[in-house]
Amino acid sequence: MVSALAESTGFEFYLTDDAISFLITFNHHDYLSAAGDAAGWLNDLLRRGAPISSS
């Protein structure tokens, strides 16, 4: 996901499910954030050393 987002400059998105159990956001500052059920997922990626920047 990071590599795809790195190629998409200047756009923002907000992603959730029908139950609104999570929220994933990506803004024009290239900041990825997560809340709800997705917060644990993002924290796990970071703990495992997933790349958070394409540069």
PDB file of N, CA and C in Angstrom:
ATOM      1  N   MET A   1       0.820  -1.179   0.000  1.00  0.00           N
ATOM      2  CA  MET A   1       0.000   0.000   0.000  1.00  0.00           C
ATOM      3  C   MET A   1       0.869   1.249   0.000  1.00  0.00           C
ATOM      4  N   VAL A   2       1.966   1.234   0.722  1.00  0.00           N
ATOM      5  CA  VAL A   2       2.818   2.415   0.806  1.00  0.00           C
ATOM      6  C   VAL A   2       3.361   2.797  -0.563  1.00  0.00           C
ATOM      7  N   SER A   3       3.812   1.821  -1.334  1.00  0.00           N
ATOM      8  CA  SER A   3       4.374   2.146  -2.650  1.00  0.00           C
ATOM      9  C   SER A   3       3.308   2.723  -3.593  1.00  0.00           C
ATOM     10  N   ALA A   4       2.096   2.217  -3.526  1.00  0.00           N
ATOM     11  CA  ALA A   4       1.019   2.767  -4.361  1.00  0.00           C
ATOM     12  C   ALA A   4       0.689   4.195  -3.946  1.00  0.00           C
ATOM     13  N   LEU A   5       0.635   4.438  -2.648  1.00  0.00           N
ATOM     14  CA  LEU A   5       0.329   5.778  -2.169  1.00  0.00           C
ATOM     15  C   LEU A   5       1.444   6.771  -2.497  1.00  0.00           C
ATOM     16  N   ALA A   6       2.677   6.297  -2.491  1.00  0.00           N
ATOM     17  CA  ALA A   6       3.803   7.175  -2.801  1.00  0.00           C
ATOM     18  C   ALA A   6       3.732   7.699  -4.230  1.00  0.00           C
ATOM     19  N   GLU A   7       3.102   6.951  -5.111  1.00  0.00           N
ATOM     20  CA  GLU A   7       2.946   7.370  -6.500  1.00  0.00           C
ATOM     21  C   GLU A   7       1.729   8.260  -6.713  1.00  0.00           C
ATOM     22  N   SER A   8       0.959   8.495  -5.681  1.00  0.00           N
ATOM     23  CA  SER A   8      -0.298   9.248  -5.781  1.00  0.00           C
ATOM     24  C   SER A   8      -0.205  10.511  -4.940  1.00  0.00           C
ATOM     25  N   THR A   9       0.515  11.484  -5.424  1.00  0.00           N
ATOM     26  CA  THR A   9       0.727  12.695  -4.640  1.00  0.00           C
ATOM     27  C   THR A   9      -0.493  13.615  -4.689  1.00  0.00           C
ATOM     28  N   GLY A  10      -0.689  14.314  -3.595  1.00  0.00           N
ATOM     29  CA  GLY A  10      -1.703  15.359  -3.557  1.00  0.00           C
ATOM     30  C   GLY A  10      -3.139  14.903  -3.425  1.00  0.00           C
ATOM     31  N   PHE A  11      -3.375  13.668  -3.041  1.00  0.00           N
ATOM     32  CA  PHE A  11      -4.758  13.276  -2.852  1.00  0.00           C
ATOM     33  C   PHE A  11      -4.938  12.678  -1.467  1.00  0.00           C
ATOM     34  N   GLU A  12      -6.147  12.773  -0.968  1.00  0.00           N
ATOM     35  CA  GLU A  12      -6.472  12.268   0.360  1.00  0.00           C
ATOM     36  C   GLU A  12      -7.571  11.233   0.247  1.00  0.00           C
ATOM     37  N   PHE A  13      -7.572  10.276   1.178  1.00  0.00           N
ATOM     38  CA  PHE A  13      -8.681   9.346   1.213  1.00  0.00           C
ATOM     39  C   PHE A  13      -8.973   8.937   2.641  1.00  0.00           C
ATOM     40  N   TYR A  14     -10.190   8.477   2.822  1.00  0.00           N
ATOM     41  CA  TYR A  14     -10.670   7.948   4.095  1.00  0.00           C
ATOM     42  C   TYR A  14     -11.354   6.630   3.774  1.00  0.00           C
ATOM     43  N   LEU A  15     -10.982   5.582   4.475  1.00  0.00           N
ATOM     44  CA  LEU A  15     -11.492   4.252   4.196  1.00  0.00           C
ATOM     45  C   LEU A  15     -12.076   3.655   5.472  1.00  0.00           C
ATOM     46  N   THR A  16     -13.287   3.114   5.374  1.00  0.00           N
ATOM     47  CA  THR A  16     -13.917   2.442   6.506  1.00  0.00           C
ATOM     48  C   THR A  16     -14.776   1.297   5.976  1.00  0.00           C
ATOM     49  N   ASP A  17     -15.393   0.564   6.882  1.00  0.00           N
ATOM     50  CA  ASP A  17     -16.318  -0.493   6.482  1.00  0.00           C
ATOM     51  C   ASP A  17     -17.741  -0.080   6.855  1.00  0.00           C
ATOM     52  N   ASP A  18     -18.726  -0.901   6.484  1.00  0.00           N
ATOM     53  CA  ASP A  18     -20.129  -0.575   6.753  1.00  0.00           C
ATOM     54  C   ASP A  18     -20.422  -0.428   8.244  1.00  0.00           C
ATOM     55  N   ALA A  19     -19.726  -1.191   9.061  1.00  0.00           N
ATOM     56  CA  ALA A  19     -19.949  -1.145  10.511  1.00  0.00           C
ATOM     57  C   ALA A  19     -19.175  -0.004  11.180  1.00  0.00           C
ATOM     58  N   ILE A  20     -18.365   0.693  10.399  1.00  0.00           N
ATOM     59  CA  ILE A  20     -17.503   1.775  10.901  1.00  0.00           C
ATOM     60  C   ILE A  20     -16.643   1.279  12.063  1.00  0.00           C
ATOM     61  N   SER A  21     -16.076   0.094  11.894  1.00  0.00           N
ATOM     62  CA  SER A  21     -15.231  -0.482  12.944  1.00  0.00           C
ATOM     63  C   SER A  21     -13.782  -0.028  12.828  1.00  0.00           C
ATOM     64  N   PHE A  22     -13.431   0.601  11.717  1.00  0.00           N
ATOM     65  CA  PHE A  22     -12.084   1.120  11.532  1.00  0.00           C
ATOM     66  C   PHE A  22     -12.123   2.335  10.627  1.00  0.00           C
ATOM     67  N   LEU A  23     -11.050   3.101  10.682  1.00  0.00           N
ATOM     68  CA  LEU A  23     -10.863   4.237   9.789  1.00  0.00           C
ATOM     69  C   LEU A  23      -9.392   4.300   9.424  1.00  0.00           C
ATOM     70  N   ILE A  24      -9.111   4.315   8.131  1.00  0.00           N
ATOM     71  CA  ILE A  24      -7.755   4.509   7.624  1.00  0.00           C
ATOM     72  C   ILE A  24      -7.771   5.791   6.814  1.00  0.00           C
ATOM     73  N   THR A  25      -6.819   6.669   7.081  1.00  0.00           N
ATOM     74  CA  THR A  25      -6.750   7.938   6.361  1.00  0.00           C
ATOM     75  C   THR A  25      -5.355   8.133   5.784  1.00  0.00           C
ATOM     76  N   PHE A  26      -5.302   8.851   4.700  1.00  0.00           N
ATOM     77  CA  PHE A  26      -4.045   9.234   4.070  1.00  0.00           C
ATOM     78  C   PHE A  26      -4.232  10.657   3.587  1.00  0.00           C
ATOM     79  N   ASN A  27      -3.346  11.570   3.994  1.00  0.00           N
ATOM     80  CA  ASN A  27      -3.566  12.972   3.636  1.00  0.00           C
ATOM     81  C   ASN A  27      -2.495  13.509   2.697  1.00  0.00           C
ATOM     82  N   HIS A  28      -2.650  14.782   2.325  1.00  0.00           N
ATOM     83  CA  HIS A  28      -1.746  15.409   1.356  1.00  0.00           C
ATOM     84  C   HIS A  28      -0.341  15.624   1.900  1.00  0.00           C
ATOM     85  N   HIS A  29      -0.122  15.362   3.171  1.00  0.00           N
ATOM     86  CA  HIS A  29       1.214  15.401   3.762  1.00  0.00           C
ATOM     87  C   HIS A  29       1.859  14.013   3.751  1.00  0.00           C
ATOM     88  N   ASP A  30       1.207  13.058   3.059  1.00  0.00           N
ATOM     89  CA  ASP A  30       1.656  11.659   2.986  1.00  0.00           C
ATOM     90  C   ASP A  30       1.664  10.994   4.352  1.00  0.00           C
ATOM     91  N   TYR A  31       0.687  11.342   5.183  1.00  0.00           N
ATOM     92  CA  TYR A  31       0.573  10.794   6.532  1.00  0.00           C
ATOM     93  C   TYR A  31      -0.517   9.738   6.550  1.00  0.00           C
ATOM     94  N   LEU A  32      -0.159   8.513   6.883  1.00  0.00           N
ATOM     95  CA  LEU A  32      -1.103   7.409   6.990  1.00  0.00           C
ATOM     96  C   LEU A  32      -1.457   7.226   8.451  1.00  0.00           C
ATOM     97  N   SER A  33      -2.741   7.194   8.767  1.00  0.00           N
ATOM     98  CA  SER A  33      -3.162   6.966  10.143  1.00  0.00           C
ATOM     99  C   SER A  33      -4.309   5.975  10.155  1.00  0.00           C
ATOM    100  N   ALA A  34      -4.505   5.376  11.318  1.00  0.00           N
ATOM    101  CA  ALA A  34      -5.540   4.357  11.461  1.00  0.00           C
ATOM    102  C   ALA A  34      -6.176   4.472  12.837  1.00  0.00           C
ATOM    103  N   ALA A  35      -7.458   4.160  12.894  1.00  0.00           N
ATOM    104  CA  ALA A  35      -8.197   4.182  14.160  1.00  0.00           C
ATOM    105  C   ALA A  35      -9.098   2.956  14.216  1.00  0.00           C
ATOM    106  N   GLY A  36      -9.573   2.645  15.414  1.00  0.00           N
ATOM    107  CA  GLY A  36     -10.434   1.481  15.589  1.00  0.00           C
ATOM    108  C   GLY A  36      -9.655   0.199  15.347  1.00  0.00           C
ATOM    109  N   ASP A  37     -10.301  -0.779  14.710  1.00  0.00           N
ATOM    110  CA  ASP A  37      -9.655  -2.070  14.454  1.00  0.00           C
ATOM    111  C   ASP A  37      -8.382  -1.946  13.620  1.00  0.00           C
ATOM    112  N   ALA A  38      -8.290  -0.936  12.785  1.00  0.00           N
ATOM    113  CA  ALA A  38      -7.118  -0.773  11.919  1.00  0.00           C
ATOM    114  C   ALA A  38      -5.898  -0.254  12.676  1.00  0.00           C
ATOM    115  N   ALA A  39      -6.083   0.341  13.835  1.00  0.00           N
ATOM    116  CA  ALA A  39      -4.942   0.870  14.593  1.00  0.00           C
ATOM    117  C   ALA A  39      -3.978  -0.254  14.967  1.00  0.00           C
ATOM    118  N   GLY A  40      -4.495  -1.368  15.416  1.00  0.00           N
ATOM    119  CA  GLY A  40      -3.651  -2.511  15.752  1.00  0.00           C
ATOM    120  C   GLY A  40      -2.909  -3.048  14.543  1.00  0.00           C
ATOM    121  N   TRP A  41      -3.591  -3.084  13.410  1.00  0.00           N
ATOM    122  CA  TRP A  41      -2.986  -3.551  12.159  1.00  0.00           C
ATOM    123  C   TRP A  41      -1.796  -2.671  11.782  1.00  0.00           C
ATOM    124  N   LEU A  42      -1.975  -1.357  11.833  1.00  0.00           N
ATOM    125  CA  LEU A  42      -0.893  -0.445  11.478  1.00  0.00           C
ATOM    126  C   LEU A  42       0.257  -0.542  12.485  1.00  0.00           C
ATOM    127  N   ASN A  43      -0.053  -0.624  13.754  1.00  0.00           N
ATOM    128  CA  ASN A  43       0.997  -0.777  14.769  1.00  0.00           C
ATOM    129  C   ASN A  43       1.781  -2.066  14.570  1.00  0.00           C
ATOM    130  N   ASP A  44       1.098  -3.153  14.224  1.00  0.00           N
ATOM    131  CA  ASP A  44       1.781  -4.423  13.954  1.00  0.00           C
ATOM    132  C   ASP A  44       2.735  -4.294  12.767  1.00  0.00           C
ATOM    133  N   LEU A  45       2.297  -3.620  11.716  1.00  0.00           N
ATOM    134  CA  LEU A  45       3.177  -3.413  10.556  1.00  0.00           C
ATOM    135  C   LEU A  45       4.428  -2.652  10.957  1.00  0.00           C
ATOM    136  N   LEU A  46       4.250  -1.615  11.744  1.00  0.00           N
ATOM    137  CA  LEU A  46       5.397  -0.815  12.166  1.00  0.00           C
ATOM    138  C   LEU A  46       6.335  -1.615  13.062  1.00  0.00           C
ATOM    139  N   ARG A  47       5.786  -2.416  13.956  1.00  0.00           N
ATOM    140  CA  ARG A  47       6.620  -3.246  14.839  1.00  0.00           C
ATOM    141  C   ARG A  47       7.428  -4.268  14.051  1.00  0.00           C
ATOM    142  N   ARG A  48       6.844  -4.783  12.963  1.00  0.00           N
ATOM    143  CA  ARG A  48       7.539  -5.777  12.141  1.00  0.00           C
ATOM    144  C   ARG A  48       8.555  -5.134  11.209  1.00  0.00           C
ATOM    145  N   GLY A  49       8.606  -3.826  11.199  1.00  0.00           N
ATOM    146  CA  GLY A  49       9.579  -3.130  10.370  1.00  0.00           C
ATOM    147  C   GLY A  49       9.134  -2.901   8.946  1.00  0.00           C
ATOM    148  N   ALA A  50       7.834  -2.878   8.713  1.00  0.00           N
ATOM    149  CA  ALA A  50       7.335  -2.607   7.369  1.00  0.00           C
ATOM    150  C   ALA A  50       7.778  -1.213   6.937  1.00  0.00           C
ATOM    151  N   PRO A  51       8.097  -1.044   5.670  1.00  0.00           N
ATOM    152  CA  PRO A  51       8.532   0.285   5.223  1.00  0.00           C
ATOM    153  C   PRO A  51       7.394   1.291   5.355  1.00  0.00           C
ATOM    154  N   ILE A  52       7.710   2.445   5.898  1.00  0.00           N
ATOM    155  CA  ILE A  52       6.689   3.477   6.045  1.00  0.00           C
ATOM    156  C   ILE A  52       6.954   4.649   5.116  1.00  0.00           C
ATOM    157  N   SER A  53       7.989   4.517   4.324  1.00  0.00           N
ATOM    158  CA  SER A  53       8.324   5.573   3.365  1.00  0.00           C
ATOM    159  C   SER A  53       8.890   4.910   2.121  1.00  0.00           C
ATOM    160  N   SER A  54       8.581   5.484   0.991  1.00  0.00           N
ATOM    161  CA  SER A  54       9.126   4.939  -0.246  1.00  0.00           C
ATOM    162  C   SER A  54      10.411   5.635  -0.647  1.00  0.00           C
ATOM    163  N   SER A  55      10.832   6.625   0.106  1.00  0.00           N
ATOM    164  CA  SER A  55      12.051   7.360  -0.267  1.00  0.00           C
ATOM    165  C   SER A  55      13.283   6.753   0.339  1.00  0.00           C
TER     166      SER A  55
END
